[in-house]
Protein backbone atom coordinates (compact mmCIF):
# COMPACT_ATOMS: atom_id res chain seq x y z
CA MET A 1 -14.53 28.17 36.62
CA ARG A 2 -15.55 30.19 39.65
CA ILE A 3 -13.24 32.79 41.15
CA LYS A 4 -12.69 31.05 44.48
CA GLU A 5 -11.98 27.69 42.85
CA SER A 6 -9.33 29.20 40.58
CA THR A 7 -7.52 30.80 43.52
CA PHE A 8 -6.63 27.37 44.91
CA TYR A 9 -4.48 26.69 41.85
CA TRP A 10 -3.22 30.27 41.60
CA PHE A 11 -1.97 30.40 45.19
CA ASN A 12 -0.39 26.98 44.81
CA GLU A 13 2.05 28.74 42.48
CA PHE A 14 2.63 31.51 45.04
CA TYR A 15 2.28 29.47 48.21
CA MET A 16 4.27 31.90 50.36
CA THR A 17 1.41 34.41 50.08
CA CYS A 18 -0.80 32.04 52.10
CA GLY A 19 1.61 31.82 55.04
CA ARG A 20 1.61 33.66 58.35
CA PHE A 21 4.30 35.58 60.16
CA ARG A 22 6.13 34.23 63.18
CA ARG A 23 8.91 35.65 65.32
CA SER A 24 12.17 33.86 65.96
CA ASP A 25 12.51 32.84 69.61
CA ILE A 26 16.23 33.57 69.39
CA THR A 27 16.51 36.87 67.51
CA GLY A 28 12.92 38.14 67.54
CA ARG A 29 13.12 38.68 63.79
CA PRO A 30 9.89 38.00 61.86
CA TYR A 31 9.79 35.26 59.24
CA MET A 32 7.12 33.77 57.00
CA LYS A 33 5.89 30.30 57.94
CA CYS A 34 4.41 28.62 54.86
CA ASN A 35 1.56 26.85 56.67
CA ASP A 36 -1.14 27.26 54.00
CA CYS A 37 -3.44 29.38 56.17
CA GLY A 38 -4.81 31.04 53.03
CA VAL A 39 -5.91 34.54 52.12
CA ARG A 40 -9.04 36.49 53.00
CA VAL A 41 -11.68 37.00 50.30
CA ILE A 42 -14.25 39.79 50.68
CA GLU A 43 -17.38 40.03 48.52
CA ALA A 44 -19.12 43.38 47.97
CA GLN A 45 -21.96 44.88 45.90
CA CYS A 46 -22.17 48.30 44.24
CA ASP A 47 -25.40 49.87 42.95
CA MET A 48 -23.53 51.86 40.26
CA THR A 49 -22.38 50.79 36.79
CA VAL A 50 -18.68 50.54 35.99
CA ASP A 51 -18.91 53.47 33.56
CA ALA A 52 -20.63 55.65 36.17
CA TRP A 53 -17.97 54.73 38.71
CA LEU A 54 -15.12 55.65 36.36
CA GLU A 55 -16.74 59.01 35.63
CA THR A 56 -16.60 60.04 39.30
CA LYS A 57 -14.03 62.75 39.98
CA ASP A 58 -13.10 61.61 43.48
CA SER A 59 -10.36 58.99 43.05
CA SER A 60 -10.36 58.33 46.80
CA LEU A 61 -13.56 56.30 46.25
CA ASN A 62 -11.37 53.63 44.66
CA ASN A 63 -10.16 52.80 48.17
CA LEU A 64 -13.61 51.30 48.80
CA LEU A 65 -12.82 48.61 46.22
CA VAL A 66 -9.85 47.29 48.20
CA TYR A 67 -10.03 45.84 51.70
CA HIS A 68 -7.11 47.05 53.80
CA GLN A 69 -6.10 45.71 57.18
CA PRO A 70 -2.57 46.18 58.59
CA ILE A 71 -0.72 43.04 59.63
CA GLY A 72 -1.04 42.46 63.38
CA PRO A 73 -1.30 42.73 66.26
CA GLU A 74 -1.63 38.92 66.23
CA LEU A 75 0.90 37.94 63.56
CA SER A 76 -0.14 34.29 63.52
CA PHE A 77 -3.70 35.22 62.46
CA SER A 78 -3.00 38.09 60.04
CA PRO A 79 -3.05 37.27 56.30
CA SER A 80 -0.62 39.07 54.02
CA ILE A 81 -3.17 39.28 51.17
CA TYR A 82 -6.80 40.39 50.99
CA LEU A 83 -8.80 39.92 47.80
CA GLN A 84 -12.00 41.94 47.40
CA VAL A 85 -14.50 41.09 44.65
CA THR A 86 -16.99 43.90 44.00
CA LYS A 87 -19.92 43.28 41.64
CA PHE A 88 -21.44 46.29 39.88
CA LYS A 89 -25.03 46.90 38.84
CA CYS A 90 -24.21 46.43 35.15
CA GLY A 91 -22.65 43.01 35.68
CA GLY A 92 -19.11 44.35 35.69
CA MET A 93 -16.64 43.48 38.38
CA SER A 94 -13.75 44.96 40.32
CA LEU A 95 -10.90 42.88 41.75
CA GLY A 96 -9.10 44.60 44.62
CA LEU A 97 -5.78 43.19 45.83
CA SER A 98 -4.33 44.31 49.17
CA TRP A 99 -0.70 43.19 49.24
CA ALA A 100 1.81 43.29 52.10
CA HIS A 101 4.98 44.87 50.73
CA VAL A 102 7.13 42.34 52.59
CA LEU A 103 6.03 39.72 50.02
CA GLY A 104 7.55 41.72 47.19
CA ASP A 105 7.54 45.17 45.62
CA PRO A 106 4.64 46.61 43.53
CA PHE A 107 6.02 45.02 40.37
CA SER A 108 5.91 41.60 42.01
CA ALA A 109 2.31 42.23 43.08
CA SER A 110 1.37 43.06 39.49
CA GLU A 111 3.13 39.97 38.11
CA CYS A 112 1.47 37.76 40.72
CA LEU A 113 -2.00 39.08 39.85
CA ASN A 114 -1.40 38.60 36.12
CA LYS A 115 -0.43 34.96 36.73
CA TRP A 116 -4.02 34.41 37.85
CA SER A 117 -5.23 34.64 34.22
CA PRO A 118 -4.56 31.04 33.09
CA PHE A 119 -6.22 29.63 36.21
CA LEU A 120 -9.31 31.77 35.63
CA ALA A 121 -9.37 30.17 32.18
CA GLY A 122 -9.42 26.69 33.73
CA LEU A 123 -5.75 25.70 33.86
CA LYS A 124 -4.73 23.42 36.71
CA SER A 125 -1.60 24.05 38.74
CA ASN A 126 1.50 22.01 37.90
CA GLY A 127 3.02 22.30 41.36
CA PRO A 128 4.60 24.87 43.66
CA LEU A 129 6.81 27.63 42.32
CA GLN A 130 10.54 27.00 42.39
CA ILE A 131 12.23 29.81 44.31
CA ARG A 132 15.30 31.05 42.51
CA ARG A 133 18.11 32.80 44.31
CA SER A 134 19.20 36.30 43.39
CA PRO A 135 21.94 36.34 40.73
CA LYS A 136 25.47 36.52 42.11
CA ARG A 137 27.11 39.92 42.01
CA LEU A 138 30.30 40.42 40.04
CA GLU A 139 33.47 40.43 42.09
CA ASN A 140 35.75 43.46 42.26
CA SER A 141 36.82 44.10 38.66
CA GLU A 142 39.77 46.36 39.52
CA HIS A 143 42.31 43.68 38.51
CA ALA A 144 40.21 42.09 35.78
CA LYS A 145 42.17 40.38 33.00
CA GLN A 146 41.77 41.77 29.49
CA PRO A 147 39.62 39.30 27.46
CA LEU A 148 41.28 38.12 24.27
CA SER A 149 38.11 38.75 22.29
CA LEU A 150 38.17 42.50 22.99
CA LYS A 151 40.21 45.30 21.47
CA ARG A 152 40.32 48.70 23.10
CA VAL A 153 39.46 51.67 20.87
CA ASP A 154 39.21 55.42 21.33
CA PRO A 155 35.98 56.69 22.97
CA VAL A 156 33.14 57.00 20.48
CA GLY A 157 30.74 58.90 22.73
CA ASP A 158 31.45 62.20 20.99
CA HIS A 159 29.97 60.79 17.80
CA TRP A 160 26.64 59.90 19.38
CA ASN A 161 23.64 62.18 19.05
CA PRO A 162 22.63 63.31 22.54
CA ILE A 163 18.96 62.95 23.47
CA GLU A 164 17.51 66.43 23.71
CA GLU A 165 14.21 65.50 25.33
CA ALA A 166 13.95 64.18 28.87
CA PRO A 167 12.01 60.91 29.32
CA LEU A 168 8.30 61.23 30.04
CA PHE A 169 8.56 59.96 33.62
CA GLU A 170 11.28 62.44 34.60
CA SER A 171 9.39 65.25 32.83
CA LEU A 172 6.21 64.55 34.82
CA CYS A 173 8.23 64.28 38.03
CA ALA A 174 9.89 67.63 37.36
CA ILE A 175 6.48 69.29 36.98
CA MET A 176 5.13 67.74 40.18
CA TRP A 177 8.36 68.47 42.08
CA GLN A 178 8.18 72.15 41.24
CA CYS A 179 4.46 72.44 42.00
CA ILE A 180 4.88 70.75 45.39
CA ALA A 181 7.87 73.00 46.14
CA LYS A 182 5.70 76.06 45.50
CA VAL A 183 3.08 74.68 47.88
CA ARG A 184 5.70 74.12 50.59
CA GLU A 185 7.36 77.50 50.52
CA GLU A 186 8.88 77.14 53.98
CA HIS A 187 10.66 73.85 53.28
CA GLU A 188 11.30 73.09 49.62
CA PRO A 189 11.82 69.35 49.02
CA LYS A 190 15.37 69.46 47.63
CA LEU A 191 16.06 65.79 48.33
CA VAL A 192 13.83 63.29 46.51
CA THR A 193 13.70 59.51 46.12
CA ILE A 194 13.11 57.70 42.81
CA CYS A 195 11.85 54.10 42.57
CA LYS A 196 12.03 52.25 39.26
CA LYS A 197 11.91 48.64 38.10
CA ASP A 198 15.33 47.06 37.63
CA PRO A 199 15.44 46.15 33.89
CA ASN A 200 18.06 43.45 34.54
CA TYR A 201 15.94 41.52 37.02
CA PRO A 202 14.05 38.40 35.84
CA LYS A 203 10.34 39.10 35.90
CA SER A 204 8.33 35.89 35.80
CA GLY A 205 7.46 33.86 38.86
CA ILE A 206 9.60 35.65 41.44
CA LEU A 207 8.27 37.65 44.38
CA SER A 208 10.98 39.99 45.63
CA ASN A 209 12.24 43.55 45.55
CA THR A 210 13.05 44.34 41.92
CA GLN A 211 13.22 48.10 42.35
CA ILE A 212 16.13 50.44 41.85
CA ILE A 213 15.90 52.96 44.69
CA SER A 214 17.78 56.18 43.99
CA SER A 215 18.09 59.61 45.54
CA VAL A 216 18.60 63.00 43.91
CA GLU A 217 19.55 66.20 45.73
CA ALA A 218 19.38 69.71 44.28
CA ASP A 219 21.58 72.58 45.46
CA PHE A 220 19.34 75.28 43.98
CA SER A 221 15.80 76.58 44.40
CA ILE A 222 13.24 74.13 43.01
CA LYS A 223 10.31 76.52 42.64
CA ASP A 224 12.36 78.99 40.57
CA SER A 225 14.18 76.41 38.47
CA ASP A 226 13.76 75.60 34.79
CA LEU A 227 11.72 72.40 34.34
CA LYS A 228 14.19 70.97 31.82
CA LYS A 229 16.99 71.47 34.35
CA LEU A 230 14.98 69.58 36.97
CA ALA A 231 14.18 66.72 34.58
CA ASN A 232 17.82 66.38 33.53
CA LEU A 233 18.84 66.39 37.19
CA LEU A 234 16.53 63.42 37.81
CA VAL A 235 18.07 61.61 34.83
CA ASP A 236 21.75 62.38 35.41
CA ARG A 237 22.15 62.63 39.20
CA ALA A 238 20.15 59.64 40.41
CA SER A 239 22.34 57.68 42.84
CA ASP A 240 21.34 54.03 43.45
CA GLU A 241 21.08 53.30 47.19
CA LYS A 242 19.48 49.86 47.16
CA ASN A 243 22.59 48.05 48.42
CA GLN A 244 23.10 50.61 51.18
CA ILE A 245 19.48 50.16 52.27
CA GLU A 246 19.83 46.37 52.40
CA LYS A 247 23.03 46.63 54.45
CA MET A 248 21.41 49.07 56.88
CA VAL A 249 18.43 46.78 57.46
CA GLU A 250 20.62 43.69 57.86
CA LYS A 251 22.90 45.51 60.29
CA ASP A 252 19.95 45.84 62.67
CA ASN A 253 19.01 42.18 62.05
CA GLY A 254 15.69 43.32 60.58
CA LEU A 255 14.38 44.53 63.95
CA ILE A 256 14.30 48.26 63.17
CA ASP A 257 11.48 49.68 61.04
CA TYR A 258 12.16 52.03 58.13
CA ILE A 259 10.05 53.68 55.44
CA ILE A 260 11.01 54.61 51.89
CA TYR A 261 7.81 56.00 50.38
CA GLY A 262 7.43 59.49 51.81
CA ALA A 263 10.65 59.59 53.84
CA ASN A 264 11.61 62.09 51.15
CA LEU A 265 9.27 63.23 48.40
CA THR A 266 9.15 59.96 46.44
CA PHE A 267 8.57 59.44 42.71
CA VAL A 268 7.59 55.90 41.68
CA ASP A 269 7.72 54.79 38.04
CA PHE A 270 5.09 52.14 37.27
CA GLU A 271 5.39 52.58 33.48
CA LYS A 272 7.18 49.21 33.17
CA ALA A 273 4.67 47.41 35.39
CA ASN A 274 2.23 45.22 33.47
CA LEU A 275 -0.82 46.53 35.32
CA TYR A 276 -3.26 45.49 32.59
CA GLY A 277 -1.99 41.95 32.10
CA LEU A 278 -4.81 40.13 33.91
CA GLU A 279 -7.23 38.52 31.44
CA TRP A 280 -10.54 36.79 32.12
CA ASN A 281 -12.90 35.45 29.44
CA LYS A 282 -10.89 37.44 26.86
CA TYR A 283 -11.50 40.68 28.78
CA LYS A 284 -8.78 42.87 30.26
CA PRO A 285 -9.11 45.57 32.95
CA LYS A 286 -10.76 48.78 31.85
CA PHE A 287 -8.92 50.82 34.46
CA VAL A 288 -6.33 50.05 37.17
CA HIS A 289 -5.92 52.16 40.29
CA TYR A 290 -2.82 51.75 42.45
CA THR A 291 -1.98 53.25 45.83
CA ILE A 292 0.30 52.52 48.79
CA GLN A 293 -0.57 52.72 52.48
CA GLY A 294 1.77 54.13 55.14
CA VAL A 295 3.37 56.87 53.01
CA GLY A 296 5.42 59.37 55.05
CA ASP A 297 4.63 63.08 55.39
CA GLU A 298 6.89 64.14 52.51
CA GLY A 299 4.48 62.42 50.12
CA ALA A 300 4.72 60.26 47.02
CA VAL A 301 3.89 60.56 43.32
CA PHE A 302 3.07 57.45 41.25
CA VAL A 303 3.16 57.46 37.44
CA LEU A 304 1.07 54.62 35.97
CA PRO A 305 0.47 53.56 32.35
CA TRP A 306 -2.81 54.22 30.57
CA PRO A 307 -4.67 51.22 29.08
CA GLU A 308 -3.06 50.45 25.71
CA ASP A 309 -6.36 49.67 23.98
CA SER A 310 -8.12 52.75 25.35
CA GLU A 311 -9.58 55.12 22.75
CA LYS A 312 -8.90 58.01 25.12
CA HIS A 313 -5.42 59.53 24.62
CA ASN A 314 -4.76 56.80 21.99
CA GLY A 315 -3.57 54.55 24.80
CA GLU A 316 -0.48 56.73 25.31
CA GLY A 317 -1.58 58.72 28.35
CA ARG A 318 -0.36 58.41 31.92
CA VAL A 319 -2.16 58.32 35.26
CA VAL A 320 -0.51 60.35 38.02
CA THR A 321 -1.50 59.54 41.59
CA VAL A 322 -0.35 61.88 44.36
CA ILE A 323 -0.35 61.08 48.08
CA LEU A 324 0.25 64.10 50.33
CA PRO A 325 -0.80 65.32 53.77
CA GLU A 326 -4.32 66.72 53.63
CA LYS A 327 -3.13 70.29 54.28
CA ASP A 328 -1.10 70.21 51.05
CA VAL A 329 -3.69 68.63 48.76
CA THR A 330 -5.96 71.67 48.29
CA LYS A 331 -2.98 73.97 47.71
CA LEU A 332 -1.54 71.57 45.14
CA LYS A 333 -4.84 71.43 43.23
CA CYS A 334 -4.85 75.22 43.01
CA GLU A 335 -1.23 75.25 41.86
CA LEU A 336 -1.89 72.65 39.16
CA LYS A 337 -4.95 74.55 37.90
CA GLU A 338 -3.02 77.82 37.87
CA ASN A 339 -0.39 76.21 35.64
CA GLY A 340 -2.99 74.67 33.33
CA ILE A 341 -2.10 71.12 34.35
CA LEU A 342 -5.34 70.30 36.15
CA LEU A 343 -8.42 71.25 34.16
CA GLN A 344 -11.33 73.05 35.78
CA GLY A 345 -13.79 70.51 37.12
CA ASP A 346 -11.25 67.70 37.53
CA LEU A 347 -10.98 66.13 40.99
CA GLU A 348 -13.50 68.49 42.55
């Protein structure tokens, strides 16, 4: 089945992605009108092979594989998704998805793309996706009645073996946090934001915000701190602010614009995102690049998984993508090389 033909069935499952924005005549608040206006598909050619492309040191070239166009100024004509198909000299192919965050967070974008696989294999759509509501929150448990099936015992926490090593994500974030702090000597980033996938949120077939958005603030010097102390701070002091963010946006009736990525130095954990789940003719992606447009001046760091079946790093490596103002990028490269984190010749 051809690519374009399969998208008809794929987008039937995610029909809201083919809609267009409108504004309420009463409140002025934008909403999505599901009018089946479709998505934009861009076709491109590259005179390089896939292997040659992946060997290039300049990761910014990957932006050429994704068509990006901000929504507006005419909302009724602006699609929320662009799909770019780039054919390489060797016969390989790149699929670039440009996704408006209002449709759902990065994890939703990844899940949506992976759902394309069965339609590429020839499956027909069974009908539109059923939208499920968010699970109800538990009521105030202050006066909760003791269940008969439970018996209270003394705390057993003292008998547990504490984990000595910080998780990989927090360890990488601690390294990047300190290096960026050394680059920005005049204003150390002591307040950072952490975005992770909510493990309790259902993952299949739902486009929404499934992230836990937390903040961590340090009351000591970052550039002179011990890395283990920084990593433990990210683990132990993360304060979830997702509900506060939702209340703030709703208070303004959705008319005020806010940013999260780059409002503070932001660390985003994509380790739980199934970035390599798309399958076509029994082939899976060789490499996945992910970036976000509109990041604030404080910058953002994304930690992505390495392909599981890759011979390099035994499939256990990580890809770290950093978005910073241009004036900080060169300084950060020097700092990473000085600390032996960035090898000579990488990203030249």
